[in-house]
Structures are given as C-alpha cells and as structure tokens.
Amino acid sequence: MLERRHKLGLCHRDRWRVGEMLRSQPDLREIDPVRDLDLWRHLFDADDLVLTGETATAAAHAPAAEYCWGNVWRDGLPIRTVAYCLSAVDLLRGTSHTETMSRRQACEAVLGRLRVAGTPVVMVVDDGDGGLECWCDADPASYRLLVSRGRCPGGTNAKTGKIHRVLWADPGTRVPWEEDFELVA
C-alpha cells in the first residue's frame, strides 16, 4: 500500500513526466518489445523460474505476455519476491488533486512523489490504456512475500491492443547476461 502522503493533493509540479523519463534514456523512445521484455528479465537471475502469462520458464527465456509476475517460483508457488508492481489502479486509488490532471498525469505525479521519497523504482511501464505502472525493487528485509503481477513489458494490452512499453528502466537492467554472470562469479 502506498502512503497517503504520496497520493493526496497532487499537482503538476510533482510529476515525473514521461518526456523526462525518455529524455534520460533516449533509446527507449523507439518502441522495441523485445528490448523491453529483456529489461524486465534482468530484474531476475537468468535461471530464476518466472511466470509470464501462464508460462513458467527461466527468466533468460521468458516469453512476452499480457502480465508478468515479480516473483521467483518453484513447484507452482512463489518463493521470493524480486520486484513488486504498482499498477495505475494502485497508484491512483484514493488520490486527490489540487489541480486538474488526466489519468496519466496523476500517475506521473504519484511516481514523482515516490521518486523524491527514495522508493526504489526499477522500471516504469506504459500500461497501454492511458496509465503508468511502476515496478519497484523488493528488498527482502523490507517486504513480505508479495505475489506481484503487472503489465509485462513487450506484451500487449488485451483491451486496447497497445504494447506495454518501458518508459524508464534502472541502469542495472541494461547489463548483458554475460556481464551479470561475471559480476556474480
């Protein structure tokens, strides 16, 4: 649950605008579903068992789907939460505004407040339906096991047919698998 201070009295100066996100990572301006899914995959170790849609597979080989989970799975059960997703509904539930905003602008305002508060945002995804979703790092010491599901980057919104596009990603998601293994070894 988001703290009330992140959601009440939203105004335009709070926003972490999509334009700012894309300016900070210009390669994300180009729509590339394969790259976007790969960014999400890098939240996990290559051999972690993850779920995308109804498919369970190693993270390095996970296919795109409408939804992804932020958990590592074993025998059909989540054993560890790596990332949790705050959907547009989660971001906007209980919000109030001091200025008129669209749904996307309100999502940007909540994201801006989370960012200023130091929330460990690892990825921002366009949900394909006018909202934004935020994948956050799940520090094992701070969060209980959450079964977290969000829009799968590179997947398609079944309602609108639009691709779930990554708008911002933590630099750690951009490390090639080979370098990930070298860092661990």
N, C-alpha and C. Protein backbone atom coordinates (compact mmCIF):
# COMPACT_ATOMS: atom_id res chain seq x y z
N MET A 1 0.84 -1.18 0.00
CA MET A 1 0.00 0.00 0.00
C MET A 1 0.88 1.25 0.00
N LEU A 2 0.47 2.22 -0.76
CA LEU A 2 1.19 3.49 -0.80
C LEU A 2 0.76 4.36 0.37
N GLU A 3 1.68 5.09 0.92
CA GLU A 3 1.34 6.02 1.99
C GLU A 3 0.49 7.15 1.44
N ARG A 4 -0.40 7.65 2.27
CA ARG A 4 -1.33 8.71 1.84
C ARG A 4 -0.60 9.96 1.34
N ARG A 5 0.55 10.26 1.93
CA ARG A 5 1.26 11.49 1.54
C ARG A 5 1.69 11.46 0.08
N HIS A 6 1.82 10.27 -0.49
CA HIS A 6 2.20 10.16 -1.90
C HIS A 6 1.02 10.42 -2.84
N LYS A 7 -0.22 10.36 -2.30
CA LYS A 7 -1.39 10.36 -3.17
C LYS A 7 -2.34 11.52 -2.97
N LEU A 8 -2.14 12.33 -1.96
CA LEU A 8 -3.09 13.40 -1.68
C LEU A 8 -2.56 14.76 -2.14
N GLY A 9 -3.47 15.57 -2.67
CA GLY A 9 -3.12 16.93 -3.09
C GLY A 9 -2.14 16.98 -4.24
N LEU A 10 -2.31 16.09 -5.23
CA LEU A 10 -1.38 16.04 -6.37
C LEU A 10 -1.45 17.33 -7.18
N CYS A 11 -0.29 17.78 -7.63
CA CYS A 11 -0.23 18.94 -8.52
C CYS A 11 0.82 18.69 -9.60
N HIS A 12 0.80 19.53 -10.62
CA HIS A 12 1.67 19.32 -11.78
C HIS A 12 3.16 19.37 -11.42
N ARG A 13 3.54 20.14 -10.45
CA ARG A 13 4.97 20.22 -10.10
C ARG A 13 5.50 18.90 -9.51
N ASP A 14 4.60 18.01 -9.06
CA ASP A 14 5.00 16.72 -8.51
C ASP A 14 5.40 15.72 -9.59
N ARG A 15 4.99 15.96 -10.80
CA ARG A 15 5.08 14.94 -11.85
C ARG A 15 6.51 14.60 -12.25
N TRP A 16 6.75 13.30 -12.46
CA TRP A 16 7.94 12.80 -13.14
C TRP A 16 7.42 12.48 -14.53
N ARG A 17 7.57 13.41 -15.43
CA ARG A 17 6.93 13.35 -16.74
C ARG A 17 7.56 12.27 -17.64
N VAL A 18 6.69 11.67 -18.45
CA VAL A 18 7.15 10.66 -19.41
C VAL A 18 8.24 11.25 -20.30
N GLY A 19 8.08 12.49 -20.72
CA GLY A 19 9.10 13.14 -21.54
C GLY A 19 10.46 13.18 -20.86
N GLU A 20 10.48 13.46 -19.55
CA GLU A 20 11.74 13.46 -18.79
C GLU A 20 12.35 12.06 -18.74
N MET A 21 11.49 11.06 -18.53
CA MET A 21 11.98 9.69 -18.48
C MET A 21 12.66 9.33 -19.79
N LEU A 22 11.98 9.63 -20.90
CA LEU A 22 12.50 9.27 -22.22
C LEU A 22 13.74 10.09 -22.58
N ARG A 23 13.80 11.35 -22.13
CA ARG A 23 14.99 12.16 -22.38
C ARG A 23 16.20 11.58 -21.66
N SER A 24 15.98 11.02 -20.46
CA SER A 24 17.10 10.48 -19.70
C SER A 24 17.59 9.15 -20.28
N GLN A 25 16.74 8.48 -21.07
CA GLN A 25 17.11 7.21 -21.70
C GLN A 25 16.56 7.22 -23.14
N PRO A 26 17.23 7.95 -24.02
CA PRO A 26 16.70 8.18 -25.36
C PRO A 26 16.45 6.92 -26.19
N ASP A 27 17.15 5.82 -25.90
CA ASP A 27 16.92 4.59 -26.67
C ASP A 27 15.51 4.05 -26.45
N LEU A 28 14.86 4.44 -25.35
CA LEU A 28 13.51 3.95 -25.07
C LEU A 28 12.43 4.69 -25.87
N ARG A 29 12.82 5.73 -26.58
CA ARG A 29 11.85 6.42 -27.45
C ARG A 29 11.38 5.50 -28.57
N GLU A 30 12.28 4.65 -29.03
CA GLU A 30 11.93 3.68 -30.08
C GLU A 30 11.17 2.52 -29.44
N ILE A 31 10.04 2.19 -30.01
CA ILE A 31 9.26 1.07 -29.48
C ILE A 31 9.93 -0.23 -29.91
N ASP A 32 10.32 -1.04 -28.92
CA ASP A 32 11.03 -2.29 -29.16
C ASP A 32 10.59 -3.31 -28.10
N PRO A 33 9.54 -4.10 -28.39
CA PRO A 33 9.03 -5.05 -27.40
C PRO A 33 10.06 -6.07 -26.92
N VAL A 34 10.96 -6.49 -27.79
CA VAL A 34 11.98 -7.48 -27.40
C VAL A 34 12.92 -6.87 -26.36
N ARG A 35 13.39 -5.66 -26.61
CA ARG A 35 14.28 -4.97 -25.66
C ARG A 35 13.55 -4.75 -24.33
N ASP A 36 12.28 -4.34 -24.40
CA ASP A 36 11.53 -4.04 -23.19
C ASP A 36 11.36 -5.28 -22.31
N LEU A 37 11.04 -6.42 -22.91
CA LEU A 37 10.92 -7.64 -22.14
C LEU A 37 12.28 -8.02 -21.55
N ASP A 38 13.34 -7.82 -22.31
CA ASP A 38 14.67 -8.14 -21.82
C ASP A 38 15.04 -7.28 -20.60
N LEU A 39 14.61 -6.02 -20.58
CA LEU A 39 14.86 -5.17 -19.42
C LEU A 39 14.18 -5.75 -18.18
N TRP A 40 12.94 -6.22 -18.33
CA TRP A 40 12.23 -6.84 -17.20
C TRP A 40 12.93 -8.14 -16.77
N ARG A 41 13.33 -8.94 -17.73
CA ARG A 41 14.01 -10.20 -17.41
C ARG A 41 15.23 -9.98 -16.53
N HIS A 42 15.91 -8.86 -16.74
CA HIS A 42 17.14 -8.58 -16.00
C HIS A 42 16.89 -8.19 -14.54
N LEU A 43 15.65 -8.13 -14.13
CA LEU A 43 15.37 -7.95 -12.71
C LEU A 43 15.68 -9.24 -11.95
N PHE A 44 15.79 -10.35 -12.69
CA PHE A 44 15.98 -11.68 -12.12
C PHE A 44 17.35 -12.22 -12.52
N ASP A 45 17.77 -13.31 -11.86
CA ASP A 45 18.91 -14.07 -12.33
C ASP A 45 18.45 -14.86 -13.55
N ALA A 46 19.34 -15.14 -14.46
CA ALA A 46 18.98 -15.80 -15.73
C ALA A 46 18.25 -17.13 -15.53
N ASP A 47 18.60 -17.87 -14.47
CA ASP A 47 17.98 -19.18 -14.28
C ASP A 47 16.82 -19.18 -13.29
N ASP A 48 16.42 -18.01 -12.78
CA ASP A 48 15.24 -17.93 -11.91
C ASP A 48 14.00 -18.35 -12.68
N LEU A 49 13.15 -19.14 -12.07
CA LEU A 49 11.90 -19.56 -12.69
C LEU A 49 10.88 -18.44 -12.49
N VAL A 50 10.40 -17.87 -13.59
CA VAL A 50 9.46 -16.75 -13.55
C VAL A 50 8.19 -17.12 -14.31
N LEU A 51 7.13 -16.36 -14.06
CA LEU A 51 5.87 -16.54 -14.78
C LEU A 51 5.59 -15.33 -15.64
N THR A 52 5.32 -15.58 -16.91
CA THR A 52 4.81 -14.55 -17.81
C THR A 52 3.54 -15.15 -18.41
N GLY A 53 2.41 -14.49 -18.21
CA GLY A 53 1.14 -15.09 -18.59
C GLY A 53 0.97 -16.36 -17.78
N GLU A 54 0.75 -17.48 -18.45
CA GLU A 54 0.62 -18.78 -17.79
C GLU A 54 1.88 -19.62 -17.94
N THR A 55 2.94 -19.05 -18.51
CA THR A 55 4.16 -19.78 -18.81
C THR A 55 5.21 -19.62 -17.72
N ALA A 56 5.68 -20.72 -17.19
CA ALA A 56 6.78 -20.71 -16.22
C ALA A 56 8.04 -21.16 -16.95
N THR A 57 9.08 -20.35 -16.87
CA THR A 57 10.34 -20.67 -17.53
C THR A 57 11.47 -19.88 -16.88
N ALA A 58 12.70 -20.22 -17.24
CA ALA A 58 13.85 -19.46 -16.75
C ALA A 58 13.75 -18.02 -17.27
N ALA A 59 14.11 -17.07 -16.43
CA ALA A 59 13.98 -15.65 -16.79
C ALA A 59 14.64 -15.33 -18.12
N ALA A 60 15.79 -15.92 -18.39
CA ALA A 60 16.51 -15.61 -19.62
C ALA A 60 15.73 -16.00 -20.87
N HIS A 61 14.72 -16.86 -20.73
CA HIS A 61 13.96 -17.34 -21.89
C HIS A 61 12.48 -17.02 -21.81
N ALA A 62 12.08 -16.17 -20.86
CA ALA A 62 10.66 -15.87 -20.66
C ALA A 62 10.06 -15.19 -21.88
N PRO A 63 8.89 -15.66 -22.34
CA PRO A 63 8.22 -15.02 -23.48
C PRO A 63 7.37 -13.85 -23.02
N ALA A 64 7.04 -12.96 -23.92
CA ALA A 64 6.16 -11.83 -23.61
C ALA A 64 4.75 -12.34 -23.39
N ALA A 65 4.01 -11.64 -22.55
CA ALA A 65 2.62 -11.97 -22.26
C ALA A 65 1.94 -10.67 -21.85
N GLU A 66 0.65 -10.75 -21.54
CA GLU A 66 -0.01 -9.53 -21.08
C GLU A 66 0.46 -9.17 -19.67
N TYR A 67 0.63 -10.19 -18.82
CA TYR A 67 1.06 -9.94 -17.44
C TYR A 67 2.31 -10.73 -17.10
N CYS A 68 3.13 -10.14 -16.22
CA CYS A 68 4.31 -10.79 -15.67
C CYS A 68 4.19 -10.74 -14.15
N TRP A 69 4.86 -11.65 -13.50
CA TRP A 69 4.90 -11.65 -12.04
C TRP A 69 6.28 -11.22 -11.59
N GLY A 70 6.36 -10.67 -10.42
CA GLY A 70 7.64 -10.20 -9.88
C GLY A 70 8.27 -11.19 -8.94
N ASN A 71 7.89 -12.46 -9.09
CA ASN A 71 8.34 -13.49 -8.17
C ASN A 71 9.20 -14.54 -8.85
N VAL A 72 9.97 -15.24 -8.03
CA VAL A 72 10.66 -16.46 -8.45
C VAL A 72 9.77 -17.59 -7.93
N TRP A 73 9.54 -18.60 -8.78
CA TRP A 73 8.60 -19.66 -8.48
C TRP A 73 9.30 -21.01 -8.37
N ARG A 74 8.71 -21.91 -7.59
CA ARG A 74 9.15 -23.30 -7.53
C ARG A 74 7.92 -24.16 -7.25
N ASP A 75 7.73 -25.19 -8.06
CA ASP A 75 6.59 -26.10 -7.89
C ASP A 75 5.26 -25.35 -7.83
N GLY A 76 5.12 -24.32 -8.67
CA GLY A 76 3.87 -23.58 -8.76
C GLY A 76 3.62 -22.60 -7.63
N LEU A 77 4.62 -22.38 -6.76
CA LEU A 77 4.46 -21.45 -5.64
C LEU A 77 5.55 -20.39 -5.67
N PRO A 78 5.19 -19.16 -5.31
CA PRO A 78 6.22 -18.11 -5.24
C PRO A 78 7.10 -18.34 -4.03
N ILE A 79 8.41 -18.28 -4.24
CA ILE A 79 9.34 -18.48 -3.12
C ILE A 79 10.09 -17.20 -2.75
N ARG A 80 10.07 -16.22 -3.66
CA ARG A 80 10.80 -14.98 -3.39
C ARG A 80 10.21 -13.87 -4.25
N THR A 81 10.09 -12.68 -3.69
CA THR A 81 9.64 -11.51 -4.44
C THR A 81 10.87 -10.69 -4.83
N VAL A 82 11.05 -10.48 -6.12
CA VAL A 82 12.18 -9.71 -6.63
C VAL A 82 11.75 -8.27 -6.89
N ALA A 83 10.58 -8.11 -7.48
CA ALA A 83 10.04 -6.78 -7.79
C ALA A 83 8.54 -6.82 -7.57
N TYR A 84 7.99 -5.71 -7.12
CA TYR A 84 6.55 -5.63 -6.99
C TYR A 84 6.06 -4.51 -7.89
N CYS A 85 4.86 -4.69 -8.41
CA CYS A 85 4.31 -3.74 -9.36
C CYS A 85 3.19 -2.93 -8.72
N LEU A 86 3.28 -1.63 -8.90
CA LEU A 86 2.19 -0.73 -8.53
C LEU A 86 1.50 -0.37 -9.83
N SER A 87 0.31 -0.91 -10.04
CA SER A 87 -0.43 -0.64 -11.27
C SER A 87 -0.99 0.77 -11.23
N ALA A 88 -1.53 1.22 -12.35
CA ALA A 88 -2.17 2.54 -12.39
C ALA A 88 -3.29 2.61 -11.36
N VAL A 89 -4.04 1.53 -11.21
CA VAL A 89 -5.12 1.49 -10.22
C VAL A 89 -4.54 1.67 -8.82
N ASP A 90 -3.43 0.98 -8.52
CA ASP A 90 -2.78 1.12 -7.21
C ASP A 90 -2.27 2.54 -7.00
N LEU A 91 -1.66 3.10 -8.04
CA LEU A 91 -1.11 4.46 -7.92
C LEU A 91 -2.21 5.48 -7.69
N LEU A 92 -3.36 5.28 -8.30
CA LEU A 92 -4.41 6.31 -8.28
C LEU A 92 -5.48 6.10 -7.22
N ARG A 93 -5.55 4.92 -6.62
CA ARG A 93 -6.58 4.64 -5.60
C ARG A 93 -6.43 5.63 -4.45
N GLY A 94 -7.50 6.38 -4.19
CA GLY A 94 -7.52 7.32 -3.06
C GLY A 94 -6.80 8.63 -3.30
N THR A 95 -6.44 8.94 -4.55
CA THR A 95 -5.72 10.19 -4.81
C THR A 95 -6.67 11.38 -4.73
N SER A 96 -6.09 12.52 -4.46
CA SER A 96 -6.81 13.79 -4.57
C SER A 96 -5.89 14.77 -5.29
N HIS A 97 -6.48 15.75 -5.93
CA HIS A 97 -5.73 16.69 -6.76
C HIS A 97 -6.00 18.12 -6.33
N THR A 98 -4.96 18.93 -6.38
CA THR A 98 -5.17 20.37 -6.20
C THR A 98 -5.29 21.05 -7.56
N GLU A 99 -4.91 20.32 -8.61
CA GLU A 99 -5.00 20.82 -9.99
C GLU A 99 -5.61 19.72 -10.85
N THR A 100 -6.28 20.12 -11.92
CA THR A 100 -6.89 19.16 -12.82
C THR A 100 -5.82 18.39 -13.56
N MET A 101 -5.97 17.05 -13.61
CA MET A 101 -4.99 16.19 -14.28
C MET A 101 -5.69 15.04 -14.97
N SER A 102 -5.06 14.59 -16.06
CA SER A 102 -5.51 13.38 -16.72
C SER A 102 -5.05 12.18 -15.89
N ARG A 103 -5.51 11.01 -16.26
CA ARG A 103 -5.10 9.78 -15.57
C ARG A 103 -3.57 9.61 -15.63
N ARG A 104 -3.00 9.80 -16.81
CA ARG A 104 -1.55 9.66 -16.97
C ARG A 104 -0.81 10.70 -16.14
N GLN A 105 -1.27 11.94 -16.16
CA GLN A 105 -0.61 12.99 -15.38
C GLN A 105 -0.66 12.69 -13.89
N ALA A 106 -1.78 12.16 -13.42
CA ALA A 106 -1.89 11.80 -12.00
C ALA A 106 -0.91 10.66 -11.67
N CYS A 107 -0.78 9.68 -12.57
CA CYS A 107 0.22 8.62 -12.36
C CYS A 107 1.62 9.21 -12.29
N GLU A 108 1.92 10.15 -13.19
CA GLU A 108 3.22 10.82 -13.18
C GLU A 108 3.47 11.54 -11.85
N ALA A 109 2.42 12.17 -11.31
CA ALA A 109 2.56 12.91 -10.05
C ALA A 109 2.87 11.95 -8.90
N VAL A 110 2.17 10.82 -8.82
CA VAL A 110 2.45 9.85 -7.76
C VAL A 110 3.85 9.29 -7.93
N LEU A 111 4.23 8.96 -9.18
CA LEU A 111 5.59 8.45 -9.43
C LEU A 111 6.64 9.48 -9.01
N GLY A 112 6.39 10.74 -9.30
CA GLY A 112 7.31 11.79 -8.90
C GLY A 112 7.49 11.85 -7.39
N ARG A 113 6.39 11.72 -6.68
CA ARG A 113 6.48 11.73 -5.22
C ARG A 113 7.21 10.49 -4.69
N LEU A 114 6.95 9.34 -5.31
CA LEU A 114 7.67 8.13 -4.89
C LEU A 114 9.16 8.28 -5.13
N ARG A 115 9.50 8.83 -6.26
CA ARG A 115 10.91 9.00 -6.62
C ARG A 115 11.61 9.94 -5.63
N VAL A 116 10.97 11.07 -5.32
CA VAL A 116 11.54 12.03 -4.38
C VAL A 116 11.70 11.40 -2.99
N ALA A 117 10.77 10.51 -2.64
CA ALA A 117 10.82 9.85 -1.33
C ALA A 117 11.86 8.73 -1.27
N GLY A 118 12.50 8.42 -2.41
CA GLY A 118 13.54 7.41 -2.43
C GLY A 118 13.03 5.99 -2.60
N THR A 119 11.79 5.83 -3.06
CA THR A 119 11.26 4.50 -3.33
C THR A 119 12.10 3.88 -4.45
N PRO A 120 12.53 2.62 -4.31
CA PRO A 120 13.43 2.01 -5.29
C PRO A 120 12.71 1.59 -6.59
N VAL A 121 12.39 2.57 -7.43
CA VAL A 121 11.75 2.31 -8.71
C VAL A 121 12.78 1.68 -9.65
N VAL A 122 12.43 0.53 -10.25
CA VAL A 122 13.35 -0.10 -11.19
C VAL A 122 12.85 -0.03 -12.63
N MET A 123 11.55 0.25 -12.80
CA MET A 123 11.03 0.30 -14.17
C MET A 123 9.67 1.00 -14.17
N VAL A 124 9.43 1.82 -15.20
CA VAL A 124 8.12 2.43 -15.41
C VAL A 124 7.62 1.95 -16.76
N VAL A 125 6.38 1.45 -16.78
CA VAL A 125 5.81 0.84 -17.98
C VAL A 125 4.49 1.53 -18.32
N ASP A 126 4.30 1.84 -19.60
CA ASP A 126 3.01 2.32 -20.12
C ASP A 126 2.09 1.11 -20.18
N ASP A 127 0.93 1.18 -19.53
CA ASP A 127 0.05 0.02 -19.46
C ASP A 127 -0.79 -0.20 -20.72
N GLY A 128 -0.64 0.69 -21.71
CA GLY A 128 -1.39 0.54 -22.95
C GLY A 128 -2.83 1.00 -22.85
N ASP A 129 -3.20 1.62 -21.72
CA ASP A 129 -4.58 2.05 -21.52
C ASP A 129 -4.64 3.42 -20.83
N GLY A 130 -3.63 4.25 -21.09
CA GLY A 130 -3.63 5.62 -20.55
C GLY A 130 -3.05 5.76 -19.15
N GLY A 131 -2.53 4.68 -18.60
CA GLY A 131 -1.94 4.75 -17.26
C GLY A 131 -0.50 4.30 -17.27
N LEU A 132 0.15 4.43 -16.14
CA LEU A 132 1.54 4.01 -15.97
C LEU A 132 1.61 3.00 -14.84
N GLU A 133 2.55 2.08 -14.96
CA GLU A 133 2.81 1.12 -13.89
C GLU A 133 4.26 1.27 -13.46
N CYS A 134 4.51 0.94 -12.22
CA CYS A 134 5.81 1.13 -11.63
C CYS A 134 6.27 -0.17 -11.00
N TRP A 135 7.36 -0.74 -11.50
CA TRP A 135 7.98 -1.92 -10.87
C TRP A 135 8.99 -1.40 -9.88
N CYS A 136 8.93 -1.89 -8.64
CA CYS A 136 9.82 -1.45 -7.57
C CYS A 136 10.65 -2.63 -7.07
N ASP A 137 11.84 -2.33 -6.62
CA ASP A 137 12.72 -3.35 -6.04
C ASP A 137 12.13 -3.80 -4.72
N ALA A 138 12.04 -5.09 -4.53
CA ALA A 138 11.52 -5.65 -3.28
C ALA A 138 12.67 -6.11 -2.41
N ASP A 139 13.10 -5.25 -1.54
CA ASP A 139 14.15 -5.58 -0.58
C ASP A 139 13.61 -6.63 0.38
N PRO A 140 14.24 -7.81 0.43
CA PRO A 140 13.71 -8.89 1.27
C PRO A 140 13.55 -8.50 2.74
N ALA A 141 14.35 -7.58 3.23
CA ALA A 141 14.25 -7.18 4.62
C ALA A 141 13.05 -6.25 4.87
N SER A 142 12.57 -5.62 3.81
CA SER A 142 11.51 -4.63 3.98
C SER A 142 10.13 -5.12 3.59
N TYR A 143 10.04 -6.12 2.75
CA TYR A 143 8.74 -6.53 2.23
C TYR A 143 8.52 -8.01 2.49
N ARG A 144 7.28 -8.35 2.87
CA ARG A 144 6.93 -9.75 2.99
C ARG A 144 6.76 -10.31 1.58
N LEU A 145 6.57 -11.60 1.48
CA LEU A 145 6.39 -12.23 0.17
C LEU A 145 5.10 -11.72 -0.46
N LEU A 146 5.22 -11.02 -1.54
CA LEU A 146 4.07 -10.50 -2.28
C LEU A 146 3.97 -11.25 -3.59
N VAL A 147 2.77 -11.62 -3.97
CA VAL A 147 2.58 -12.18 -5.30
C VAL A 147 2.20 -10.99 -6.16
N SER A 148 3.19 -10.44 -6.82
CA SER A 148 3.02 -9.19 -7.55
C SER A 148 2.90 -9.43 -9.04
N ARG A 149 1.86 -8.88 -9.63
CA ARG A 149 1.63 -9.02 -11.06
C ARG A 149 1.47 -7.64 -11.67
N GLY A 150 2.06 -7.45 -12.84
CA GLY A 150 1.93 -6.19 -13.55
C GLY A 150 1.96 -6.41 -15.04
N ARG A 151 1.83 -5.33 -15.76
CA ARG A 151 1.88 -5.42 -17.23
C ARG A 151 3.27 -5.86 -17.65
N CYS A 152 3.31 -6.84 -18.52
CA CYS A 152 4.57 -7.40 -18.98
C CYS A 152 5.16 -6.50 -20.07
N PRO A 153 6.32 -5.90 -19.82
CA PRO A 153 6.94 -5.08 -20.87
C PRO A 153 7.12 -5.90 -22.15
N GLY A 154 6.72 -5.31 -23.26
CA GLY A 154 6.79 -6.01 -24.54
C GLY A 154 5.54 -6.81 -24.83
N GLY A 155 4.68 -6.98 -23.83
CA GLY A 155 3.41 -7.66 -24.03
C GLY A 155 2.38 -6.70 -24.61
N THR A 156 1.18 -7.18 -24.79
CA THR A 156 0.13 -6.37 -25.40
C THR A 156 -1.09 -6.30 -24.48
N ASN A 157 -1.66 -5.12 -24.36
CA ASN A 157 -2.88 -4.93 -23.59
C ASN A 157 -4.03 -5.55 -24.37
N ALA A 158 -4.69 -6.55 -23.80
CA ALA A 158 -5.75 -7.28 -24.50
C ALA A 158 -6.93 -6.37 -24.83
N LYS A 159 -7.18 -5.37 -24.00
CA LYS A 159 -8.32 -4.47 -24.21
C LYS A 159 -8.07 -3.47 -25.35
N THR A 160 -6.87 -2.90 -25.40
CA THR A 160 -6.59 -1.83 -26.37
C THR A 160 -5.74 -2.28 -27.55
N GLY A 161 -5.03 -3.41 -27.40
CA GLY A 161 -4.12 -3.87 -28.46
C GLY A 161 -2.79 -3.13 -28.47
N LYS A 162 -2.56 -2.23 -27.52
CA LYS A 162 -1.32 -1.46 -27.47
C LYS A 162 -0.26 -2.21 -26.68
N ILE A 163 0.99 -1.99 -27.08
CA ILE A 163 2.14 -2.64 -26.44
C ILE A 163 2.44 -1.97 -25.11
N HIS A 164 2.79 -2.77 -24.12
CA HIS A 164 3.24 -2.27 -22.82
C HIS A 164 4.69 -1.85 -23.00
N ARG A 165 4.90 -0.59 -23.05
CA ARG A 165 6.20 -0.04 -23.40
C ARG A 165 6.96 0.43 -22.16
N VAL A 166 8.24 0.11 -22.07
CA VAL A 166 9.08 0.61 -20.98
C VAL A 166 9.41 2.08 -21.28
N LEU A 167 9.17 2.93 -20.29
CA LEU A 167 9.44 4.36 -20.42
C LEU A 167 10.69 4.78 -19.66
N TRP A 168 11.05 3.99 -18.66
CA TRP A 168 12.27 4.24 -17.88
C TRP A 168 12.67 2.93 -17.23
N ALA A 169 13.97 2.66 -17.16
CA ALA A 169 14.47 1.43 -16.53
C ALA A 169 15.77 1.74 -15.80
N ASP A 170 15.92 1.13 -14.63
CA ASP A 170 17.14 1.27 -13.86
C ASP A 170 18.32 0.79 -14.70
N PRO A 171 19.47 1.46 -14.64
CA PRO A 171 20.63 1.04 -15.42
C PRO A 171 21.04 -0.42 -15.18
N GLY A 172 20.75 -0.97 -14.02
CA GLY A 172 21.09 -2.36 -13.73
C GLY A 172 20.37 -3.36 -14.63
N THR A 173 19.25 -2.93 -15.23
CA THR A 173 18.52 -3.83 -16.13
C THR A 173 19.14 -3.86 -17.53
N ARG A 174 20.13 -3.04 -17.74
CA ARG A 174 20.73 -2.93 -19.07
C ARG A 174 22.05 -3.69 -19.20
N VAL A 175 22.41 -4.44 -18.18
CA VAL A 175 23.64 -5.22 -18.20
C VAL A 175 23.40 -6.52 -18.96
N PRO A 176 24.22 -6.84 -19.97
CA PRO A 176 24.06 -8.12 -20.68
C PRO A 176 24.22 -9.29 -19.72
N TRP A 177 23.51 -10.40 -20.01
CA TRP A 177 23.55 -11.58 -19.15
C TRP A 177 24.99 -12.00 -18.86
N GLU A 178 25.86 -11.98 -19.87
CA GLU A 178 27.23 -12.44 -19.69
C GLU A 178 27.93 -11.61 -18.61
N GLU A 179 27.70 -10.28 -18.61
CA GLU A 179 28.31 -9.42 -17.60
C GLU A 179 27.69 -9.65 -16.24
N ASP A 180 26.38 -9.96 -16.20
CA ASP A 180 25.72 -10.30 -14.94
C ASP A 180 26.42 -11.48 -14.29
N PHE A 181 26.71 -12.51 -15.08
CA PHE A 181 27.36 -13.70 -14.56
C PHE A 181 28.77 -13.38 -14.07
N GLU A 182 29.48 -12.53 -14.80
CA GLU A 182 30.84 -12.16 -14.41
C GLU A 182 30.84 -11.41 -13.08
N LEU A 183 29.82 -10.53 -12.86
CA LEU A 183 29.72 -9.78 -11.62
C LEU A 183 29.45 -10.70 -10.44
N VAL A 184 28.67 -11.76 -10.65
CA VAL A 184 28.33 -12.70 -9.59
C VAL A 184 29.51 -13.61 -9.29
N ALA A 185 30.25 -14.03 -10.31
CA ALA A 185 31.34 -15.01 -10.14
C ALA A 185 32.52 -14.45 -9.39
